[in-house]
């Protein structure tokens, strides 16, 4: 059973995808090392990208500021070939981590399906509105993950509606496709809207910040699937290098998600670890002065003090006007045995 199947069937609280993208820079050994290290920090999946540059873009396309060279040229030099995808998919299977991939064209998707048959397909934000290609990839009858960066809510709905009769899991990822985005651009509370507006989908968060806090926040807001760019060498420059985190930070992030899994419990109860503190931290009724047998308790005679091992101070009014059947000392705990039954 794949990790994705375990997640879908409720055996995992969240599903974490390490986005290698093209951070292997065409080096198969680096790609395998990143798979190994992703397992070591507790990720459930490693995702690569399959590019056939001539099928997905013209040679001359606008160049955004996160690119240090034309994307077409970068991909020609660094993109994985299908035989490399086969080797990486087999390596992931051997090491029991899910291999995922984003095809950036219908031709790339066909190559992947014929050669690798991934357990799921990722559709990037740039392809969210490419309905013809999405519909063709849906014909593979595999779970689908769609990122929703640089799109309006109505555009997301138009793509979501393609899946209303789809019989495999659909995961919609909240996303801001800036490299990196500012925190004011993350719209994390949109996750709650997505959960309400897209009930057929599992909602996740694809994070392009260089930190980890927004992913942790997304978990508390209801996201269950997470995707984060990773690098094993921060000196290497590529399209995603400014938004990629180190393995050290990835480990901290996954540890944080594990801790939040334990912490996000909605049941309020007194825990065993609180009992010792409860015994001294709460207030009990205490005599403020020494009183004699036959005295009637009046305001100013008793008040709440620690520890909390006696009569709780909230019951103070129950004792006003009661008569003592024995003498008591100041700064001692009030007891029901001090009064007639």
Protein backbone atom coordinates (compact mmCIF):
# COMPACT_ATOMS: atom_id res chain seq x y z
CA UNK A 1 0.00 0.00 0.00
CA UNK A 2 1.37 3.42 -0.94
CA UNK A 3 1.66 6.20 1.60
CA UNK A 4 -1.03 8.05 -0.36
CA UNK A 5 -3.37 5.08 0.05
CA UNK A 6 -2.57 5.00 3.78
CA UNK A 7 -3.43 8.70 3.99
CA UNK A 8 -6.64 8.38 1.97
CA UNK A 9 -7.73 5.47 4.16
CA UNK A 10 -7.12 7.37 7.39
CA UNK A 11 -3.90 5.73 8.56
CA UNK A 12 -1.89 8.96 8.26
CA UNK A 13 -2.90 12.33 9.74
CA UNK A 14 -1.27 14.27 6.91
CA UNK A 15 0.59 13.66 3.66
CA UNK A 16 3.87 15.48 3.04
CA UNK A 17 5.30 15.85 -0.46
CA UNK A 18 8.93 16.89 -0.88
CA UNK A 19 9.07 18.91 -4.09
CA UNK A 20 12.44 18.18 -5.65
CA UNK A 21 11.27 19.70 -8.95
CA UNK A 22 14.50 20.33 -10.86
CA UNK A 23 16.75 20.82 -7.80
CA UNK A 24 18.66 17.71 -8.87
CA UNK A 25 20.06 19.81 -11.76
CA UNK A 26 20.11 16.74 -13.97
CA UNK A 27 22.26 14.76 -11.54
CA UNK A 28 20.67 11.35 -10.92
CA UNK A 29 22.89 10.67 -7.90
CA UNK A 30 21.77 13.94 -6.32
CA UNK A 31 18.14 13.02 -7.02
CA UNK A 32 18.59 9.65 -5.30
CA UNK A 33 20.33 11.30 -2.37
CA UNK A 34 17.41 13.68 -1.99
CA UNK A 35 15.02 10.71 -1.97
CA UNK A 36 17.05 9.06 0.80
CA UNK A 37 17.21 12.21 2.87
CA UNK A 38 13.48 12.85 2.41
CA UNK A 39 12.80 9.44 3.92
CA UNK A 40 15.17 10.25 6.76
CA UNK A 41 13.16 13.30 7.81
CA UNK A 42 9.79 11.55 7.58
CA UNK A 43 8.27 12.65 4.26
CA UNK A 44 5.67 10.43 2.61
CA UNK A 45 6.36 11.34 -1.03
CA UNK A 46 9.01 12.81 -3.30
CA UNK A 47 7.87 14.70 -6.38
CA UNK A 48 9.77 15.34 -9.56
CA UNK A 49 8.85 17.12 -12.79
CA UNK A 50 8.80 15.76 -16.31
CA UNK A 51 9.56 18.34 -18.97
CA UNK A 52 9.67 17.97 -22.73
CA UNK A 53 10.50 21.63 -23.38
CA UNK A 54 9.37 21.78 -27.00
CA UNK A 55 5.98 20.28 -26.04
CA UNK A 56 5.23 22.67 -23.19
CA UNK A 57 6.49 26.07 -24.32
CA UNK A 58 7.87 28.21 -27.06
CA UNK A 59 11.57 28.93 -26.84
CA UNK A 60 10.90 32.60 -26.16
CA UNK A 61 8.67 33.09 -23.11
CA UNK A 62 8.63 35.91 -20.52
CA UNK A 63 11.27 35.44 -17.84
CA UNK A 64 10.27 36.06 -14.21
CA UNK A 65 12.71 37.37 -11.63
CA UNK A 66 13.24 33.96 -10.00
CA UNK A 67 14.89 32.71 -13.22
CA UNK A 68 18.56 33.47 -13.81
CA UNK A 69 18.45 32.12 -17.37
CA UNK A 70 15.65 31.40 -19.86
CA UNK A 71 13.51 28.53 -18.57
CA UNK A 72 13.65 26.70 -21.90
CA UNK A 73 17.46 26.66 -21.80
CA UNK A 74 17.51 25.60 -18.14
CA UNK A 75 15.19 22.66 -18.83
CA UNK A 76 17.10 21.50 -21.88
CA UNK A 77 20.20 21.26 -19.71
CA UNK A 78 18.70 19.94 -16.47
CA UNK A 79 15.35 18.20 -17.01
CA UNK A 80 15.19 14.47 -16.33
CA UNK A 81 14.74 12.11 -19.25
CA UNK A 82 12.11 9.39 -19.10
CA UNK A 83 14.68 6.64 -18.46
CA UNK A 84 15.84 8.61 -15.41
CA UNK A 85 12.26 8.89 -14.17
CA UNK A 86 11.96 5.12 -14.47
CA UNK A 87 15.09 4.65 -12.37
CA UNK A 88 13.92 7.14 -9.73
CA UNK A 89 10.43 5.63 -9.54
CA UNK A 90 11.94 2.19 -9.00
CA UNK A 91 14.27 3.59 -6.37
CA UNK A 92 11.35 5.17 -4.53
CA UNK A 93 9.45 1.88 -4.65
CA UNK A 94 12.49 0.06 -3.29
CA UNK A 95 12.79 2.53 -0.40
CA UNK A 96 9.02 2.64 0.21
CA UNK A 97 8.40 6.32 -0.40
CA UNK A 98 5.85 7.51 -2.95
CA UNK A 99 7.14 8.74 -6.30
CA UNK A 100 5.04 11.57 -7.71
CA UNK A 101 5.58 13.64 -10.81
CA UNK A 102 4.21 16.72 -12.53
CA UNK A 103 3.95 16.37 -16.31
CA UNK A 104 4.08 19.76 -17.99
CA UNK A 105 2.48 18.63 -21.23
CA UNK A 106 0.20 15.91 -22.53
CA UNK A 107 3.21 14.30 -24.24
CA UNK A 108 5.07 14.24 -20.91
CA UNK A 109 2.05 12.69 -19.19
CA UNK A 110 1.81 9.98 -21.82
CA UNK A 111 5.49 9.13 -21.43
CA UNK A 112 5.11 8.91 -17.65
CA UNK A 113 2.02 6.74 -17.79
CA UNK A 114 3.53 4.35 -20.32
CA UNK A 115 6.91 4.06 -18.61
CA UNK A 116 6.27 4.64 -14.90
CA UNK A 117 2.50 4.68 -14.19
CA UNK A 118 2.75 6.98 -11.14
CA UNK A 119 0.32 6.44 -8.26
CA UNK A 120 -0.97 10.01 -8.75
CA UNK A 121 -0.50 13.02 -11.00
CA UNK A 122 0.26 16.56 -9.94
CA UNK A 123 -1.06 19.48 -11.98
CA UNK A 124 0.90 22.66 -11.40
CA UNK A 125 -0.70 26.07 -10.94
CA UNK A 126 0.32 27.08 -14.46
CA UNK A 127 -1.70 24.18 -15.87
CA UNK A 128 -4.76 24.56 -13.61
CA UNK A 129 -6.78 26.10 -16.43
CA UNK A 130 -5.46 23.81 -19.16
CA UNK A 131 -8.68 21.82 -19.12
CA UNK A 132 -7.97 19.81 -22.30
CA UNK A 133 -4.78 18.37 -20.80
CA UNK A 134 -6.35 17.82 -17.38
CA UNK A 135 -9.21 15.87 -18.94
CA UNK A 136 -6.78 13.66 -20.82
CA UNK A 137 -4.70 12.97 -17.68
CA UNK A 138 -7.92 12.16 -15.80
CA UNK A 139 -8.40 9.30 -18.25
CA UNK A 140 -5.48 7.52 -16.53
CA UNK A 141 -7.85 7.11 -13.57
CA UNK A 142 -5.27 8.05 -10.94
CA UNK A 143 -5.60 10.40 -7.94
CA UNK A 144 -4.95 14.02 -8.92
CA UNK A 145 -3.29 16.87 -7.06
CA UNK A 146 -4.02 20.40 -8.35
CA UNK A 147 -2.23 23.56 -7.23
CA UNK A 148 -4.28 26.75 -7.32
CA UNK A 149 -1.70 29.53 -7.42
CA UNK A 150 -2.25 32.66 -9.56
CA UNK A 151 -5.94 31.84 -10.04
CA UNK A 152 -9.25 33.32 -8.93
CA UNK A 153 -11.83 31.44 -6.91
CA UNK A 154 -14.09 31.18 -9.97
CA UNK A 155 -11.19 29.76 -12.01
CA UNK A 156 -10.55 27.17 -9.31
CA UNK A 157 -14.23 26.24 -9.39
CA UNK A 158 -14.12 25.80 -13.16
CA UNK A 159 -11.34 23.22 -12.80
CA UNK A 160 -12.88 21.65 -9.71
CA UNK A 161 -16.10 21.07 -11.63
CA UNK A 162 -14.23 18.81 -14.05
CA UNK A 163 -13.88 16.33 -11.20
CA UNK A 164 -17.45 16.16 -9.89
CA UNK A 165 -17.91 12.69 -11.37
CA UNK A 166 -14.28 11.62 -11.04
CA UNK A 167 -14.02 8.40 -9.02
CA UNK A 168 -10.49 8.89 -7.68
CA UNK A 169 -9.26 11.18 -4.88
CA UNK A 170 -8.81 14.85 -5.73
CA UNK A 171 -6.47 17.08 -3.72
CA UNK A 172 -6.66 20.87 -4.12
CA UNK A 173 -3.63 22.79 -2.90
CA UNK A 174 -3.89 26.35 -1.64
CA UNK A 175 -0.93 28.12 -3.25
CA UNK A 176 0.63 31.47 -4.08
CA UNK A 177 2.85 31.20 -7.14
CA UNK A 178 5.40 33.85 -6.21
CA UNK A 179 9.05 32.92 -5.67
CA UNK A 180 8.94 33.76 -2.81
CA UNK A 181 5.62 35.38 -1.83
CA UNK A 182 5.27 37.90 0.96
CA UNK A 183 3.35 36.71 4.00
CA UNK A 184 0.52 39.10 3.13
CA UNK A 185 0.04 37.15 -0.12
CA UNK A 186 -0.48 33.71 1.44
CA UNK A 187 -4.27 33.95 2.12
CA UNK A 188 -4.05 31.02 4.52
CA UNK A 189 -7.61 31.50 5.75
CA UNK A 190 -8.77 30.70 2.23
CA UNK A 191 -8.05 27.09 3.25
CA UNK A 192 -11.20 27.13 5.40
CA UNK A 193 -13.18 28.46 2.44
CA UNK A 194 -11.76 25.74 0.22
CA UNK A 195 -12.84 23.07 2.70
CA UNK A 196 -16.39 24.45 2.56
CA UNK A 197 -16.60 25.28 -1.15
CA UNK A 198 -14.88 22.16 -2.53
CA UNK A 199 -16.21 19.27 -0.42
CA UNK A 200 -15.33 16.68 -3.06
CA UNK A 201 -11.62 17.49 -2.58
CA UNK A 202 -9.03 17.04 0.14
CA UNK A 203 -7.50 20.45 0.81
CA UNK A 204 -3.76 20.98 1.10
CA UNK A 205 -1.18 23.76 1.01
CA UNK A 206 1.71 24.16 -1.42
CA UNK A 207 4.14 26.57 0.19
CA UNK A 208 6.61 28.82 -1.62
CA UNK A 209 7.98 30.70 1.36
CA UNK A 210 11.59 30.07 2.44
CA UNK A 211 10.43 29.28 5.99
CA UNK A 212 8.26 26.69 7.73
CA UNK A 213 5.74 28.66 9.81
CA UNK A 214 3.09 29.10 7.11
CA UNK A 215 2.90 25.35 6.52
CA UNK A 216 2.44 24.75 10.24
CA UNK A 217 -0.30 27.40 10.29
CA UNK A 218 -1.98 25.78 7.28
CA UNK A 219 -2.22 22.51 9.22
CA UNK A 220 -4.02 24.23 12.10
CA UNK A 221 -6.47 25.71 9.56
CA UNK A 222 -7.42 22.30 8.20
CA UNK A 223 -4.98 21.55 5.37
CA UNK A 224 -3.98 17.87 5.25
CA UNK A 225 -1.55 17.63 2.31
CA UNK A 226 1.63 19.68 2.14
CA UNK A 227 4.21 20.38 -0.52
CA UNK A 228 7.51 22.14 0.03
CA UNK A 229 10.48 22.77 -2.27
CA UNK A 230 13.75 21.32 -1.05
CA UNK A 231 17.43 21.75 -1.82
CA UNK A 232 20.48 19.78 -0.72
CA UNK A 233 22.85 22.57 -1.77
CA UNK A 234 21.86 26.17 -1.07
CA UNK A 235 24.65 27.45 -3.32
CA UNK A 236 23.02 26.03 -6.45
CA UNK A 237 20.86 28.49 -8.40
CA UNK A 238 17.70 27.47 -10.22
CA UNK A 239 14.07 28.53 -10.77
CA UNK A 240 13.02 27.34 -7.30
CA UNK A 241 16.18 27.94 -5.29
CA UNK A 242 14.83 31.04 -3.50
CA UNK A 243 11.86 29.10 -2.12
CA UNK A 244 13.64 25.85 -1.26
CA UNK A 245 14.43 24.88 2.31
CA UNK A 246 17.25 22.73 3.66
CA UNK A 247 16.86 19.23 5.01
CA UNK A 248 17.47 20.60 8.51
CA UNK A 249 14.50 22.94 8.17
CA UNK A 250 12.44 20.19 6.57
CA UNK A 251 13.11 17.98 9.59
CA UNK A 252 12.00 20.81 11.89
CA UNK A 253 8.87 21.28 9.80
CA UNK A 254 7.87 17.62 9.87
CA UNK A 255 8.62 17.42 13.60
CA UNK A 256 6.32 20.41 14.00
CA UNK A 257 3.54 18.73 12.03
CA UNK A 258 3.92 15.59 14.15
CA UNK A 259 3.69 17.66 17.33
CA UNK A 260 0.64 19.51 16.02
CA UNK A 261 -1.00 16.18 15.16
CA UNK A 262 -0.86 15.38 18.86
CA UNK A 263 -1.84 18.90 19.92
CA UNK A 264 -4.85 19.43 17.63
CA UNK A 265 -7.22 17.52 19.91
CA UNK A 266 -10.65 19.09 20.30
CA UNK A 267 -11.61 17.21 23.50
CA UNK A 268 -11.09 19.25 26.69
CA UNK A 269 -10.19 17.16 29.71
CA UNK A 270 -7.99 17.14 32.80
CA UNK A 271 -4.84 15.30 31.82
CA UNK A 272 -2.83 13.09 34.21
CA UNK A 273 0.11 15.47 33.81
CA UNK A 274 -2.06 18.28 35.24
CA UNK A 275 -3.18 16.47 38.39
CA UNK A 276 -0.02 17.20 40.38
CA UNK A 277 -0.24 20.92 39.58
CA UNK A 278 -4.01 20.98 40.13
CA UNK A 279 -3.47 19.73 43.68
CA UNK A 280 -1.55 22.87 44.69
CA UNK A 281 -2.57 25.49 42.13
CA UNK A 282 -6.32 25.56 42.82
CA UNK A 283 -7.80 27.41 45.81
CA UNK A 284 -9.49 25.81 48.82
CA UNK A 285 -11.47 27.51 51.58
CA UNK A 286 -9.20 28.51 54.50
CA UNK A 287 -9.99 30.12 57.85
CA UNK A 288 -8.57 33.66 57.97
CA UNK A 289 -8.75 33.78 61.76
CA UNK A 290 -9.02 31.39 64.70
CA UNK A 291 -12.66 30.71 65.59
CA UNK A 292 -14.35 29.00 68.52
CA UNK A 293 -16.91 26.23 68.69
CA UNK A 294 -20.36 27.79 68.26
CA UNK A 295 -19.15 30.73 66.12
CA UNK A 296 -21.22 31.48 63.01
CA UNK A 297 -19.22 31.89 59.78
CA UNK A 298 -19.42 35.45 58.48
CA UNK A 299 -17.88 37.38 55.62
CA UNK A 300 -14.18 37.83 56.29
CA UNK A 301 -13.85 34.56 58.23
CA UNK A 302 -12.96 32.37 55.26
CA UNK A 303 -11.37 32.85 51.86
CA UNK A 304 -9.64 30.88 49.11
CA UNK A 305 -5.95 29.98 49.37
CA UNK A 306 -3.72 27.30 47.94
CA UNK A 307 -3.51 24.30 47.95
CA UNK A 308 -6.51 22.90 46.12
CA UNK A 309 -6.84 19.81 48.30
CA UNK A 310 -9.76 21.05 50.43
CA UNK A 311 -13.23 22.46 49.77
CA UNK A 312 -13.08 24.45 46.49
CA UNK A 313 -13.25 28.20 47.07
CA UNK A 314 -16.15 28.54 44.61
CA UNK A 315 -18.43 27.04 47.28
CA UNK A 316 -17.77 29.87 49.78
CA UNK A 317 -21.41 30.99 49.90
CA UNK A 318 -22.49 27.51 51.02
CA UNK A 319 -20.72 28.08 54.35
CA UNK A 320 -21.91 31.58 55.20
CA UNK A 321 -24.11 31.42 58.30
CA UNK A 322 -23.06 27.91 59.27
CA UNK A 323 -22.17 27.18 62.93
CA UNK A 324 -18.90 25.55 63.91
CA UNK A 325 -19.13 22.41 66.03
CA UNK A 326 -15.48 22.71 67.04
CA UNK A 327 -12.78 25.36 67.35
CA UNK A 328 -10.51 25.99 64.36
CA UNK A 329 -7.14 27.66 63.85
CA UNK A 330 -6.27 30.47 61.42
CA UNK A 331 -4.69 29.40 58.13
CA UNK A 332 -6.10 25.89 58.22
CA UNK A 333 -8.25 24.25 55.61
CA UNK A 334 -12.01 24.39 56.12
CA UNK A 335 -13.58 20.93 56.29
CA UNK A 336 -17.18 19.72 56.18
CA UNK A 337 -16.47 17.91 59.44
CA UNK A 338 -16.22 21.35 61.10
CA UNK A 339 -19.99 21.70 60.84
CA UNK A 340 -23.04 19.69 61.77
CA UNK A 341 -24.43 17.53 59.00
